[in-house]
Amino acid sequence: MSKRLLLIGPPGAGKGTQAARLTERLGIPAISTGDIFRENVKNQTPLGKEAKRYMDAGEYVPDELTNALVRSRLSEPDAAEGFMLDGYPRTKDQVVELDGILADAGTQLDAVVLIEADHDELVARLHRRAVEQGRSDDTEDVIRHRLEVYAEQTAPLIDIYRDRGLLVSVDGLGAVDEVTERILAGLGVK
């Protein structure tokens, strides 16, 4: 069974929701760089203060900060038998870094789950989330910019993982339970 997974998809596609559900079903930790950054911002750590500048502008946090964070997190004992990455890698350079992190640990990704969703639905979802959660990083201009950055920098990773035979594409629209079941079926989990 797939135990080392990556969730990929545009902002608002439901990656965080699905990561939480899937990790519970699969018994592996969800590792979300966005959550880790927001926690650091909330606690006003040095990393958080630096990350906040980028997050508030809708930009990606620079690779060197993100890579160090992910390397450290993947070395923790709860990730030894598997994990679900959400929000990393986001660039081709981060793919290379993740390959190195995993190679150093003598392992590799088992599957990459692509959650796809309509652009207009994503904007609507992100607006709702901003209101419900009071996220300062989800203004309309920032949302649109984040979707542009995703299309430019992260969408090309889909082809990399498709070429490696790791990509499992699922429709992210519909009831949360339905999307979860689509993903599990795509991973061959019953």
C-alpha atoms as a PDB file:
ATOM      1  CA  MET A   1       0.000   0.000   0.000  1.00  0.00           C
ATOM      2  CA  SER A   2       1.113   3.561  -0.729  1.00  0.00           C
ATOM      3  CA  LYS A   3       2.590   5.115   2.402  1.00  0.00           C
ATOM      4  CA  ARG A   4       4.798   7.927   1.079  1.00  0.00           C
ATOM      5  CA  LEU A   5       2.446  10.268  -0.675  1.00  0.00           C
ATOM      6  CA  LEU A   6       2.305  13.767  -2.081  1.00  0.00           C
ATOM      7  CA  LEU A   7      -0.926  15.738  -2.503  1.00  0.00           C
ATOM      8  CA  ILE A   8      -0.793  18.320  -5.267  1.00  0.00           C
ATOM      9  CA  GLY A   9      -3.388  20.696  -6.631  1.00  0.00           C
ATOM     10  CA  PRO A  10      -4.227  24.368  -6.805  1.00  0.00           C
ATOM     11  CA  PRO A  11      -4.990  26.447  -3.706  1.00  0.00           C
ATOM     12  CA  GLY A  12      -8.519  25.675  -2.532  1.00  0.00           C
ATOM     13  CA  ALA A  13      -8.714  22.225  -4.152  1.00  0.00           C
ATOM     14  CA  GLY A  14      -9.208  20.570  -0.758  1.00  0.00           C
ATOM     15  CA  LYS A  15      -5.714  19.219  -0.148  1.00  0.00           C
ATOM     16  CA  GLY A  16      -5.709  20.011   3.569  1.00  0.00           C
ATOM     17  CA  THR A  17      -9.128  18.458   4.137  1.00  0.00           C
ATOM     18  CA  GLN A  18      -8.215  15.333   2.186  1.00  0.00           C
ATOM     19  CA  ALA A  19      -4.767  15.049   3.798  1.00  0.00           C
ATOM     20  CA  ALA A  20      -6.357  14.931   7.255  1.00  0.00           C
ATOM     21  CA  ARG A  21      -8.866  12.288   6.192  1.00  0.00           C
ATOM     22  CA  LEU A  22      -6.377  10.164   4.272  1.00  0.00           C
ATOM     23  CA  THR A  23      -3.700  10.157   6.927  1.00  0.00           C
ATOM     24  CA  GLU A  24      -6.256   8.957   9.456  1.00  0.00           C
ATOM     25  CA  ARG A  25      -7.320   6.136   7.126  1.00  0.00           C
ATOM     26  CA  LEU A  26      -3.730   5.228   6.206  1.00  0.00           C
ATOM     27  CA  GLY A  27      -2.146   5.741   9.636  1.00  0.00           C
ATOM     28  CA  ILE A  28       0.515   8.195   8.474  1.00  0.00           C
ATOM     29  CA  PRO A  29       1.148  11.849   9.432  1.00  0.00           C
ATOM     30  CA  ALA A  30       0.005  14.747   7.274  1.00  0.00           C
ATOM     31  CA  ILE A  31       2.834  17.190   6.715  1.00  0.00           C
ATOM     32  CA  SER A  32       1.583  20.573   5.496  1.00  0.00           C
ATOM     33  CA  THR A  33       4.137  23.290   4.937  1.00  0.00           C
ATOM     34  CA  GLY A  34       1.325  25.867   4.970  1.00  0.00           C
ATOM     35  CA  ASP A  35       0.202  24.749   8.438  1.00  0.00           C
ATOM     36  CA  ILE A  36       3.781  24.762   9.705  1.00  0.00           C
ATOM     37  CA  PHE A  37       4.362  28.253   8.317  1.00  0.00           C
ATOM     38  CA  ARG A  38       1.075  29.565   9.785  1.00  0.00           C
ATOM     39  CA  GLU A  39       1.976  28.068  13.182  1.00  0.00           C
ATOM     40  CA  ASN A  40       5.334  29.842  13.044  1.00  0.00           C
ATOM     41  CA  VAL A  41       3.634  33.112  12.037  1.00  0.00           C
ATOM     42  CA  LYS A  42       1.155  32.770  14.904  1.00  0.00           C
ATOM     43  CA  ASN A  43       3.991  32.162  17.377  1.00  0.00           C
ATOM     44  CA  GLN A  44       6.050  34.984  15.814  1.00  0.00           C
ATOM     45  CA  THR A  45       9.150  32.811  15.432  1.00  0.00           C
ATOM     46  CA  PRO A  46      11.999  34.168  13.285  1.00  0.00           C
ATOM     47  CA  LEU A  47      10.953  31.791  10.471  1.00  0.00           C
ATOM     48  CA  GLY A  48       7.344  32.880  10.935  1.00  0.00           C
ATOM     49  CA  LYS A  49       8.193  36.568  10.667  1.00  0.00           C
ATOM     50  CA  GLU A  50      10.181  35.947   7.496  1.00  0.00           C
ATOM     51  CA  ALA A  51       7.554  33.609   6.023  1.00  0.00           C
ATOM     52  CA  LYS A  52       4.727  36.073   6.772  1.00  0.00           C
ATOM     53  CA  ARG A  53       6.155  38.652   4.379  1.00  0.00           C
ATOM     54  CA  TYR A  54       5.889  36.178   1.505  1.00  0.00           C
ATOM     55  CA  MET A  55       2.563  34.671   2.556  1.00  0.00           C
ATOM     56  CA  ASP A  56       0.848  38.054   2.872  1.00  0.00           C
ATOM     57  CA  ALA A  57       1.960  38.890  -0.686  1.00  0.00           C
ATOM     58  CA  GLY A  58       0.749  35.513  -2.023  1.00  0.00           C
ATOM     59  CA  GLU A  59       4.308  34.435  -2.840  1.00  0.00           C
ATOM     60  CA  TYR A  60       5.922  31.108  -2.059  1.00  0.00           C
ATOM     61  CA  VAL A  61       8.276  31.033   0.912  1.00  0.00           C
ATOM     62  CA  PRO A  62      11.845  30.721  -0.489  1.00  0.00           C
ATOM     63  CA  ASP A  63      13.138  27.217  -1.150  1.00  0.00           C
ATOM     64  CA  GLU A  64      15.998  27.311   1.344  1.00  0.00           C
ATOM     65  CA  LEU A  65      13.597  27.940   4.246  1.00  0.00           C
ATOM     66  CA  THR A  66      11.040  25.441   3.019  1.00  0.00           C
ATOM     67  CA  ASN A  67      13.576  22.701   2.202  1.00  0.00           C
ATOM     68  CA  ALA A  68      15.173  22.872   5.642  1.00  0.00           C
ATOM     69  CA  LEU A  69      11.758  22.683   7.279  1.00  0.00           C
ATOM     70  CA  VAL A  70      10.699  19.640   5.238  1.00  0.00           C
ATOM     71  CA  ARG A  71      14.006  17.799   5.709  1.00  0.00           C
ATOM     72  CA  SER A  72      13.719  18.271   9.465  1.00  0.00           C
ATOM     73  CA  ARG A  73      10.071  17.189   9.574  1.00  0.00           C
ATOM     74  CA  LEU A  74      10.601  14.054   7.456  1.00  0.00           C
ATOM     75  CA  SER A  75      13.400  12.958   9.805  1.00  0.00           C
ATOM     76  CA  GLU A  76      10.995  12.789  12.771  1.00  0.00           C
ATOM     77  CA  PRO A  77      10.097   9.271  13.998  1.00  0.00           C
ATOM     78  CA  ASP A  78       6.387   9.438  13.075  1.00  0.00           C
ATOM     79  CA  ALA A  79       7.296   9.871   9.382  1.00  0.00           C
ATOM     80  CA  ALA A  80       9.625   6.855   9.232  1.00  0.00           C
ATOM     81  CA  GLU A  81       6.937   4.490   7.921  1.00  0.00           C
ATOM     82  CA  GLY A  82       5.163   6.980   5.690  1.00  0.00           C
ATOM     83  CA  PHE A  83       3.717  10.469   5.327  1.00  0.00           C
ATOM     84  CA  MET A  84       1.422  12.622   3.246  1.00  0.00           C
ATOM     85  CA  LEU A  85       3.052  15.821   2.021  1.00  0.00           C
ATOM     86  CA  ASP A  86       0.689  18.723   1.336  1.00  0.00           C
ATOM     87  CA  GLY A  87       2.101  21.903  -0.171  1.00  0.00           C
ATOM     88  CA  TYR A  88       5.590  20.601  -0.951  1.00  0.00           C
ATOM     89  CA  PRO A  89       7.221  20.399  -3.420  1.00  0.00           C
ATOM     90  CA  ARG A  90       5.896  23.427  -5.278  1.00  0.00           C
ATOM     91  CA  THR A  91       8.776  24.042  -7.686  1.00  0.00           C
ATOM     92  CA  LYS A  92      11.066  21.914  -9.873  1.00  0.00           C
ATOM     93  CA  ASP A  93      14.000  22.753  -7.565  1.00  0.00           C
ATOM     94  CA  GLN A  94      11.989  21.465  -4.600  1.00  0.00           C
ATOM     95  CA  VAL A  95      11.310  18.208  -6.503  1.00  0.00           C
ATOM     96  CA  VAL A  96      15.070  17.745  -6.800  1.00  0.00           C
ATOM     97  CA  GLU A  97      15.501  18.535  -3.086  1.00  0.00           C
ATOM     98  CA  LEU A  98      12.733  16.104  -2.076  1.00  0.00           C
ATOM     99  CA  ASP A  99      14.290  13.391  -4.260  1.00  0.00           C
ATOM    100  CA  GLY A 100      17.550  13.972  -2.367  1.00  0.00           C
ATOM    101  CA  ILE A 101      15.891  13.941   1.062  1.00  0.00           C
ATOM    102  CA  LEU A 102      14.167  10.645   0.254  1.00  0.00           C
ATOM    103  CA  ALA A 103      17.276   9.117  -1.347  1.00  0.00           C
ATOM    104  CA  ASP A 104      19.270   9.994   1.796  1.00  0.00           C
ATOM    105  CA  ALA A 105      16.620   8.067   3.762  1.00  0.00           C
ATOM    106  CA  GLY A 106      16.755   5.151   1.318  1.00  0.00           C
ATOM    107  CA  THR A 107      13.178   5.591   0.114  1.00  0.00           C
ATOM    108  CA  GLN A 108      11.031   7.315  -2.518  1.00  0.00           C
ATOM    109  CA  LEU A 109       7.486   8.533  -3.141  1.00  0.00           C
ATOM    110  CA  ASP A 110       4.880   5.824  -3.721  1.00  0.00           C
ATOM    111  CA  ALA A 111       2.248   8.048  -5.365  1.00  0.00           C
ATOM    112  CA  VAL A 112       1.349  11.649  -6.156  1.00  0.00           C
ATOM    113  CA  VAL A 113      -2.347  12.496  -5.846  1.00  0.00           C
ATOM    114  CA  LEU A 114      -3.490  15.392  -8.042  1.00  0.00           C
ATOM    115  CA  ILE A 115      -6.744  16.957  -6.852  1.00  0.00           C
ATOM    116  CA  GLU A 116      -8.256  18.873  -9.751  1.00  0.00           C
ATOM    117  CA  ALA A 117     -10.978  21.550  -9.541  1.00  0.00           C
ATOM    118  CA  ASP A 118     -12.563  24.287 -11.637  1.00  0.00           C
ATOM    119  CA  HIS A 119     -10.842  27.705 -11.346  1.00  0.00           C
ATOM    120  CA  ASP A 120     -14.016  29.649 -10.454  1.00  0.00           C
ATOM    121  CA  GLU A 121     -14.932  27.062  -7.815  1.00  0.00           C
ATOM    122  CA  LEU A 122     -11.457  27.452  -6.298  1.00  0.00           C
ATOM    123  CA  VAL A 123     -11.844  31.225  -5.985  1.00  0.00           C
ATOM    124  CA  ALA A 124     -15.266  30.767  -4.337  1.00  0.00           C
ATOM    125  CA  ARG A 125     -13.898  28.136  -1.916  1.00  0.00           C
ATOM    126  CA  LEU A 126     -10.964  30.328  -0.929  1.00  0.00           C
ATOM    127  CA  HIS A 127     -13.269  33.306  -0.302  1.00  0.00           C
ATOM    128  CA  ARG A 128     -15.447  31.154   1.976  1.00  0.00           C
ATOM    129  CA  ARG A 129     -12.376  29.848   3.811  1.00  0.00           C
ATOM    130  CA  ALA A 130     -11.018  33.373   4.308  1.00  0.00           C
ATOM    131  CA  VAL A 131     -14.272  34.432   5.948  1.00  0.00           C
ATOM    132  CA  GLU A 132     -14.667  31.262   8.059  1.00  0.00           C
ATOM    133  CA  GLN A 133     -11.059  31.081   9.254  1.00  0.00           C
ATOM    134  CA  GLY A 134     -10.100  34.750   9.232  1.00  0.00           C
ATOM    135  CA  ARG A 135      -7.056  34.111   7.055  1.00  0.00           C
ATOM    136  CA  SER A 136      -5.163  37.304   6.341  1.00  0.00           C
ATOM    137  CA  ASP A 137      -3.463  35.612   3.374  1.00  0.00           C
ATOM    138  CA  ASP A 138      -6.748  35.028   1.486  1.00  0.00           C
ATOM    139  CA  THR A 139      -7.769  38.430   0.099  1.00  0.00           C
ATOM    140  CA  GLU A 140      -9.222  38.346  -3.441  1.00  0.00           C
ATOM    141  CA  ASP A 141      -6.085  39.820  -5.041  1.00  0.00           C
ATOM    142  CA  VAL A 142      -3.846  37.393  -3.144  1.00  0.00           C
ATOM    143  CA  ILE A 143      -6.095  34.436  -4.070  1.00  0.00           C
ATOM    144  CA  ARG A 144      -5.897  35.278  -7.771  1.00  0.00           C
ATOM    145  CA  HIS A 145      -2.156  35.793  -7.525  1.00  0.00           C
ATOM    146  CA  ARG A 146      -1.696  32.460  -5.706  1.00  0.00           C
ATOM    147  CA  LEU A 147      -3.591  30.677  -8.499  1.00  0.00           C
ATOM    148  CA  GLU A 148      -1.343  32.365 -11.080  1.00  0.00           C
ATOM    149  CA  VAL A 149       1.789  31.381  -9.152  1.00  0.00           C
ATOM    150  CA  TYR A 150       0.492  27.791  -8.904  1.00  0.00           C
ATOM    151  CA  ALA A 151      -0.134  27.644 -12.677  1.00  0.00           C
ATOM    152  CA  GLU A 152       3.331  29.018 -13.419  1.00  0.00           C
ATOM    153  CA  GLN A 153       5.479  27.208 -10.845  1.00  0.00           C
ATOM    154  CA  THR A 154       3.664  24.156  -9.503  1.00  0.00           C
ATOM    155  CA  ALA A 155       1.488  22.879 -12.356  1.00  0.00           C
ATOM    156  CA  PRO A 156       4.627  21.828 -14.319  1.00  0.00           C
ATOM    157  CA  LEU A 157       5.385  19.292 -11.545  1.00  0.00           C
ATOM    158  CA  ILE A 158       2.338  17.322 -12.657  1.00  0.00           C
ATOM    159  CA  ASP A 159       4.164  16.270 -15.828  1.00  0.00           C
ATOM    160  CA  ILE A 160       7.277  15.281 -13.867  1.00  0.00           C
ATOM    161  CA  TYR A 161       5.303  12.908 -11.659  1.00  0.00           C
ATOM    162  CA  ARG A 162       3.147  11.679 -14.567  1.00  0.00           C
ATOM    163  CA  ASP A 163       6.352  10.793 -16.454  1.00  0.00           C
ATOM    164  CA  ARG A 164       7.553   8.843 -13.395  1.00  0.00           C
ATOM    165  CA  GLY A 165       4.291   6.874 -13.363  1.00  0.00           C
ATOM    166  CA  LEU A 166       3.340   8.162  -9.905  1.00  0.00           C
ATOM    167  CA  LEU A 167       0.378  10.431 -10.727  1.00  0.00           C
ATOM    168  CA  VAL A 168      -3.152   9.606  -9.560  1.00  0.00           C
ATOM    169  CA  SER A 169      -5.613  12.283 -10.787  1.00  0.00           C
ATOM    170  CA  VAL A 170      -8.965  12.786  -9.056  1.00  0.00           C
ATOM    171  CA  ASP A 171     -11.850  15.203  -9.421  1.00  0.00           C
ATOM    172  CA  GLY A 172     -11.847  17.417  -6.325  1.00  0.00           C
ATOM    173  CA  LEU A 173     -15.433  18.627  -6.771  1.00  0.00           C
ATOM    174  CA  GLY A 174     -18.293  17.020  -4.883  1.00  0.00           C
ATOM    175  CA  ALA A 175     -18.883  15.866  -1.337  1.00  0.00           C
ATOM    176  CA  VAL A 176     -15.786  15.497   0.832  1.00  0.00           C
ATOM    177  CA  ASP A 177     -16.502  11.777   1.394  1.00  0.00           C
ATOM    178  CA  GLU A 178     -16.829  11.178  -2.357  1.00  0.00           C
ATOM    179  CA  VAL A 179     -13.476  12.834  -3.060  1.00  0.00           C
ATOM    180  CA  THR A 180     -11.813  10.789  -0.293  1.00  0.00           C
ATOM    181  CA  GLU A 181     -13.197   7.564  -1.771  1.00  0.00           C
ATOM    182  CA  ARG A 182     -11.999   8.565  -5.273  1.00  0.00           C
ATOM    183  CA  ILE A 183      -8.499   9.098  -3.915  1.00  0.00           C
ATOM    184  CA  LEU A 184      -8.443   5.820  -1.981  1.00  0.00           C
ATOM    185  CA  ALA A 185      -9.692   3.964  -5.062  1.00  0.00           C
ATOM    186  CA  GLY A 186      -6.970   5.634  -7.160  1.00  0.00           C
ATOM    187  CA  LEU A 187      -4.375   4.459  -4.631  1.00  0.00           C
ATOM    188  CA  GLY A 188      -5.814   0.940  -4.638  1.00  0.00           C
ATOM    189  CA  VAL A 189      -6.901   1.150  -0.992  1.00  0.00           C
ATOM    190  CA  LYS A 190     -10.154  -0.563  -0.054  1.00  0.00           C
END
